[in-house]
PDB file of all heavy atoms in Angstrom:
ATOM      1  N   ASP A   1      34.859 -57.627  12.106  1.00  0.00           N
ATOM      2  CA  ASP A   1      36.215 -57.343  12.560  1.00  0.00           C
ATOM      3  C   ASP A   1      36.322 -55.783  12.619  1.00  0.00           C
ATOM      4  O   ASP A   1      35.645 -55.010  11.926  1.00  0.00           O
ATOM      5  CB  ASP A   1      37.245 -57.806  11.544  1.00  0.00           C
ATOM      6  CG  ASP A   1      38.709 -57.578  11.881  1.00  0.00           C
ATOM      7  OD1 ASP A   1      38.975 -57.399  13.100  1.00  0.00           O
ATOM      8  OD2 ASP A   1      39.532 -57.508  10.923  1.00  0.00           O
ATOM      9  N   VAL A   2      37.128 -55.341  13.677  1.00  0.00           N
ATOM     10  CA  VAL A   2      37.309 -53.800  13.806  1.00  0.00           C
ATOM     11  C   VAL A   2      38.071 -53.307  12.668  1.00  0.00           C
ATOM     12  O   VAL A   2      37.703 -52.362  11.975  1.00  0.00           O
ATOM     13  CB  VAL A   2      37.927 -53.481  15.155  1.00  0.00           C
ATOM     14  CG1 VAL A   2      38.368 -52.041  15.141  1.00  0.00           C
ATOM     15  CG2 VAL A   2      37.032 -53.683  16.303  1.00  0.00           C
ATOM     16  N   ASP A   3      39.252 -53.820  12.437  1.00  0.00           N
ATOM     17  CA  ASP A   3      40.266 -53.277  11.464  1.00  0.00           C
ATOM     18  C   ASP A   3      40.054 -53.906  10.103  1.00  0.00           C
ATOM     19  O   ASP A   3      40.602 -55.018   9.831  1.00  0.00           O
ATOM     20  CB  ASP A   3      41.716 -53.496  11.987  1.00  0.00           C
ATOM     21  CG  ASP A   3      41.851 -52.730  13.245  1.00  0.00           C
ATOM     22  OD1 ASP A   3      41.521 -51.581  13.397  1.00  0.00           O
ATOM     23  OD2 ASP A   3      42.453 -53.331  14.208  1.00  0.00           O
ATOM     24  N   MET A   4      39.365 -53.200   9.174  1.00  0.00           N
ATOM     25  CA  MET A   4      39.209 -53.672   7.828  1.00  0.00           C
ATOM     26  C   MET A   4      39.444 -52.486   6.952  1.00  0.00           C
ATOM     27  O   MET A   4      39.355 -51.359   7.301  1.00  0.00           O
ATOM     28  CB  MET A   4      37.777 -54.158   7.588  1.00  0.00           C
ATOM     29  CG  MET A   4      37.383 -55.402   8.324  1.00  0.00           C
ATOM     30  SD  MET A   4      35.757 -56.053   7.932  1.00  0.00           S
ATOM     31  CE  MET A   4      34.670 -54.849   8.776  1.00  0.00           C
ATOM     32  N   PRO A   5      39.837 -52.758   5.692  1.00  0.00           N
ATOM     33  CA  PRO A   5      40.151 -51.696   4.773  1.00  0.00           C
ATOM     34  C   PRO A   5      38.815 -50.914   4.396  1.00  0.00           C
ATOM     35  O   PRO A   5      37.806 -51.443   4.466  1.00  0.00           O
ATOM     36  CB  PRO A   5      40.680 -52.387   3.568  1.00  0.00           C
ATOM     37  CG  PRO A   5      40.199 -53.775   3.618  1.00  0.00           C
ATOM     38  CD  PRO A   5      40.024 -54.071   5.060  1.00  0.00           C
ATOM     39  N   GLY A   6      39.015 -49.647   4.135  1.00  0.00           N
ATOM     40  CA  GLY A   6      37.913 -48.797   3.838  1.00  0.00           C
ATOM     41  C   GLY A   6      37.054 -48.549   5.138  1.00  0.00           C
ATOM     42  O   GLY A   6      37.541 -48.034   6.088  1.00  0.00           O
ATOM     43  N   VAL A   7      35.790 -48.927   5.081  1.00  0.00           N
ATOM     44  CA  VAL A   7      34.947 -48.727   6.234  1.00  0.00           C
ATOM     45  C   VAL A   7      35.218 -49.823   7.292  1.00  0.00           C
ATOM     46  O   VAL A   7      35.180 -51.031   7.043  1.00  0.00           O
ATOM     47  CB  VAL A   7      33.398 -48.899   5.825  1.00  0.00           C
ATOM     48  CG1 VAL A   7      32.544 -48.841   7.017  1.00  0.00           C
ATOM     49  CG2 VAL A   7      33.103 -47.743   4.820  1.00  0.00           C
ATOM     50  N   ASP A   8      35.644 -49.366   8.491  1.00  0.00           N
ATOM     51  CA  ASP A   8      35.972 -50.259   9.513  1.00  0.00           C
ATOM     52  C   ASP A   8      34.749 -50.908  10.182  1.00  0.00           C
ATOM     53  O   ASP A   8      33.627 -50.505   9.932  1.00  0.00           O
ATOM     54  CB  ASP A   8      36.881 -49.640  10.654  1.00  0.00           C
ATOM     55  CG  ASP A   8      36.230 -48.574  11.413  1.00  0.00           C
ATOM     56  OD1 ASP A   8      34.995 -48.660  11.626  1.00  0.00           O
ATOM     57  OD2 ASP A   8      36.932 -47.621  11.797  1.00  0.00           O
ATOM     58  N   GLY A   9      34.967 -51.876  11.051  1.00  0.00           N
ATOM     59  CA  GLY A   9      33.842 -52.565  11.643  1.00  0.00           C
ATOM     60  C   GLY A   9      32.976 -51.691  12.525  1.00  0.00           C
ATOM     61  O   GLY A   9      31.703 -51.899  12.545  1.00  0.00           O
ATOM     62  N   LEU A  10      33.531 -50.791  13.240  1.00  0.00           N
ATOM     63  CA  LEU A  10      32.758 -49.952  14.068  1.00  0.00           C
ATOM     64  C   LEU A  10      31.890 -48.939  13.328  1.00  0.00           C
ATOM     65  O   LEU A  10      30.676 -48.741  13.707  1.00  0.00           O
ATOM     66  CB  LEU A  10      33.703 -49.194  15.106  1.00  0.00           C
ATOM     67  CG  LEU A  10      34.405 -50.058  16.015  1.00  0.00           C
ATOM     68  CD1 LEU A  10      35.469 -49.200  16.853  1.00  0.00           C
ATOM     69  CD2 LEU A  10      33.471 -50.818  16.983  1.00  0.00           C
ATOM     70  N   THR A  11      32.414 -48.409  12.203  1.00  0.00           N
ATOM     71  CA  THR A  11      31.581 -47.524  11.369  1.00  0.00           C
ATOM     72  C   THR A  11      30.439 -48.359  10.711  1.00  0.00           C
ATOM     73  O   THR A  11      29.369 -47.902  10.620  1.00  0.00           O
ATOM     74  CB  THR A  11      32.461 -46.881  10.322  1.00  0.00           C
ATOM     75  OG1 THR A  11      33.548 -46.202  10.956  1.00  0.00           O
ATOM     76  CG2 THR A  11      31.702 -45.954   9.423  1.00  0.00           C
ATOM     77  N   ALA A  12      30.804 -49.642  10.303  1.00  0.00           N
ATOM     78  CA  ALA A  12      29.797 -50.461   9.701  1.00  0.00           C
ATOM     79  C   ALA A  12      28.679 -50.781  10.656  1.00  0.00           C
ATOM     80  O   ALA A  12      27.556 -50.799  10.406  1.00  0.00           O
ATOM     81  CB  ALA A  12      30.395 -51.741   9.169  1.00  0.00           C
ATOM     82  N   ALA A  13      29.124 -51.075  12.016  1.00  0.00           N
ATOM     83  CA  ALA A  13      28.082 -51.330  12.990  1.00  0.00           C
ATOM     84  C   ALA A  13      27.143 -50.137  13.248  1.00  0.00           C
ATOM     85  O   ALA A  13      25.938 -50.335  13.426  1.00  0.00           O
ATOM     86  CB  ALA A  13      28.797 -51.702  14.263  1.00  0.00           C
ATOM     87  N   ALA A  14      27.645 -48.952  13.234  1.00  0.00           N
ATOM     88  CA  ALA A  14      26.848 -47.747  13.383  1.00  0.00           C
ATOM     89  C   ALA A  14      25.885 -47.653  12.250  1.00  0.00           C
ATOM     90  O   ALA A  14      24.714 -47.327  12.424  1.00  0.00           O
ATOM     91  CB  ALA A  14      27.696 -46.487  13.508  1.00  0.00           C
ATOM     92  N   GLU A  15      26.343 -47.850  11.045  1.00  0.00           N
ATOM     93  CA  GLU A  15      25.530 -47.772   9.869  1.00  0.00           C
ATOM     94  C   GLU A  15      24.439 -48.904   9.897  1.00  0.00           C
ATOM     95  O   GLU A  15      23.255 -48.596   9.511  1.00  0.00           O
ATOM     96  CB  GLU A  15      26.353 -47.868   8.571  1.00  0.00           C
ATOM     97  CG  GLU A  15      25.551 -47.538   7.342  1.00  0.00           C
ATOM     98  CD  GLU A  15      26.384 -47.435   6.080  1.00  0.00           C
ATOM     99  OE1 GLU A  15      27.638 -47.229   6.197  1.00  0.00           O
ATOM    100  OE2 GLU A  15      25.785 -47.388   4.997  1.00  0.00           O
ATOM    101  N   LEU A  16      24.770 -50.109  10.349  1.00  0.00           N
ATOM    102  CA  LEU A  16      23.805 -51.149  10.429  1.00  0.00           C
ATOM    103  C   LEU A  16      22.786 -50.769  11.422  1.00  0.00           C
ATOM    104  O   LEU A  16      21.576 -51.050  11.242  1.00  0.00           O
ATOM    105  CB  LEU A  16      24.460 -52.509  10.720  1.00  0.00           C
ATOM    106  CG  LEU A  16      25.250 -53.134   9.646  1.00  0.00           C
ATOM    107  CD1 LEU A  16      26.010 -54.349  10.133  1.00  0.00           C
ATOM    108  CD2 LEU A  16      24.292 -53.498   8.484  1.00  0.00           C
ATOM    109  N   ARG A  17      23.191 -50.228  12.584  1.00  0.00           N
ATOM    110  CA  ARG A  17      22.197 -49.821  13.613  1.00  0.00           C
ATOM    111  C   ARG A  17      21.161 -48.845  12.998  1.00  0.00           C
ATOM    112  O   ARG A  17      19.995 -49.004  13.287  1.00  0.00           O
ATOM    113  CB  ARG A  17      22.982 -49.127  14.714  1.00  0.00           C
ATOM    114  CG  ARG A  17      22.082 -48.623  15.887  1.00  0.00           C
ATOM    115  CD  ARG A  17      22.734 -47.671  16.742  1.00  0.00           C
ATOM    116  NE  ARG A  17      23.043 -46.441  15.956  1.00  0.00           N
ATOM    117  CZ  ARG A  17      24.144 -45.705  16.236  1.00  0.00           C
ATOM    118  NH1 ARG A  17      25.023 -46.002  17.083  1.00  0.00           N
ATOM    119  NH2 ARG A  17      24.368 -44.667  15.434  1.00  0.00           N
ATOM    120  N   ASP A  18      21.636 -47.906  12.137  1.00  0.00           N
ATOM    121  CA  ASP A  18      20.692 -46.944  11.540  1.00  0.00           C
ATOM    122  C   ASP A  18      19.864 -47.576  10.468  1.00  0.00           C
ATOM    123  O   ASP A  18      18.669 -47.164  10.293  1.00  0.00           O
ATOM    124  CB  ASP A  18      21.531 -45.673  11.101  1.00  0.00           C
ATOM    125  CG  ASP A  18      22.220 -44.903  12.187  1.00  0.00           C
ATOM    126  OD1 ASP A  18      21.810 -45.110  13.393  1.00  0.00           O
ATOM    127  OD2 ASP A  18      23.154 -44.219  11.852  1.00  0.00           O
ATOM    128  N   ARG A  19      20.519 -48.333   9.613  1.00  0.00           N
ATOM    129  CA  ARG A  19      19.778 -48.812   8.390  1.00  0.00           C
ATOM    130  C   ARG A  19      19.085 -50.113   8.551  1.00  0.00           C
ATOM    131  O   ARG A  19      18.163 -50.454   7.770  1.00  0.00           O
ATOM    132  CB  ARG A  19      20.802 -48.910   7.219  1.00  0.00           C
ATOM    133  CG  ARG A  19      21.352 -47.452   6.858  1.00  0.00           C
ATOM    134  CD  ARG A  19      22.299 -47.469   5.772  1.00  0.00           C
ATOM    135  NE  ARG A  19      21.650 -47.872   4.490  1.00  0.00           N
ATOM    136  CZ  ARG A  19      22.322 -48.117   3.404  1.00  0.00           C
ATOM    137  NH1 ARG A  19      23.572 -47.922   3.297  1.00  0.00           N
ATOM    138  NH2 ARG A  19      21.618 -48.331   2.240  1.00  0.00           N
ATOM    139  N   LEU A  20      19.501 -50.942   9.502  1.00  0.00           N
ATOM    140  CA  LEU A  20      18.920 -52.257   9.700  1.00  0.00           C
ATOM    141  C   LEU A  20      18.947 -52.594  11.193  1.00  0.00           C
ATOM    142  O   LEU A  20      19.683 -53.457  11.705  1.00  0.00           O
ATOM    143  CB  LEU A  20      19.756 -53.310   8.943  1.00  0.00           C
ATOM    144  CG  LEU A  20      19.162 -54.712   8.750  1.00  0.00           C
ATOM    145  CD1 LEU A  20      17.848 -54.701   7.946  1.00  0.00           C
ATOM    146  CD2 LEU A  20      20.186 -55.615   8.071  1.00  0.00           C
ATOM    147  N   PRO A  21      18.067 -51.972  11.948  1.00  0.00           N
ATOM    148  CA  PRO A  21      18.174 -52.051  13.394  1.00  0.00           C
ATOM    149  C   PRO A  21      17.853 -53.506  13.925  1.00  0.00           C
ATOM    150  O   PRO A  21      18.291 -53.778  15.051  1.00  0.00           O
ATOM    151  CB  PRO A  21      16.955 -51.163  13.877  1.00  0.00           C
ATOM    152  CG  PRO A  21      16.660 -50.265  12.729  1.00  0.00           C
ATOM    153  CD  PRO A  21      17.049 -51.013  11.431  1.00  0.00           C
ATOM    154  N   ALA A  22      17.239 -54.323  13.100  1.00  0.00           N
ATOM    155  CA  ALA A  22      17.008 -55.747  13.595  1.00  0.00           C
ATOM    156  C   ALA A  22      18.285 -56.517  13.589  1.00  0.00           C
ATOM    157  O   ALA A  22      18.349 -57.647  14.233  1.00  0.00           O
ATOM    158  CB  ALA A  22      15.882 -56.285  12.693  1.00  0.00           C
ATOM    159  N   CYS A  23      19.315 -56.037  12.930  1.00  0.00           N
ATOM    160  CA  CYS A  23      20.600 -56.776  12.780  1.00  0.00           C
ATOM    161  C   CYS A  23      21.473 -56.273  13.988  1.00  0.00           C
ATOM    162  O   CYS A  23      21.855 -55.073  14.002  1.00  0.00           O
ATOM    163  CB  CYS A  23      21.262 -56.526  11.499  1.00  0.00           C
ATOM    164  SG  CYS A  23      22.860 -57.309  11.399  1.00  0.00           S
ATOM    165  N   ARG A  24      21.891 -57.155  14.845  1.00  0.00           N
ATOM    166  CA  ARG A  24      22.675 -56.795  15.993  1.00  0.00           C
ATOM    167  C   ARG A  24      24.155 -57.057  15.674  1.00  0.00           C
ATOM    168  O   ARG A  24      24.440 -58.110  15.015  1.00  0.00           O
ATOM    169  CB  ARG A  24      22.214 -57.469  17.209  1.00  0.00           C
ATOM    170  CG  ARG A  24      20.728 -57.207  17.476  1.00  0.00           C
ATOM    171  CD  ARG A  24      20.234 -57.801  18.773  1.00  0.00           C
ATOM    172  NE  ARG A  24      20.647 -56.866  19.892  1.00  0.00           N
ATOM    173  CZ  ARG A  24      21.100 -57.312  21.032  1.00  0.00           C
ATOM    174  NH1 ARG A  24      21.286 -58.548  21.228  1.00  0.00           N
ATOM    175  NH2 ARG A  24      21.459 -56.349  21.956  1.00  0.00           N
TER     176      ARG A  24
END
């Protein structure tokens, strides 16, 4: 979800891209 408390979905997606590239 985009709008979540604390870290939003877009920030989480960017972090996942960097830390776990196999997860889309």
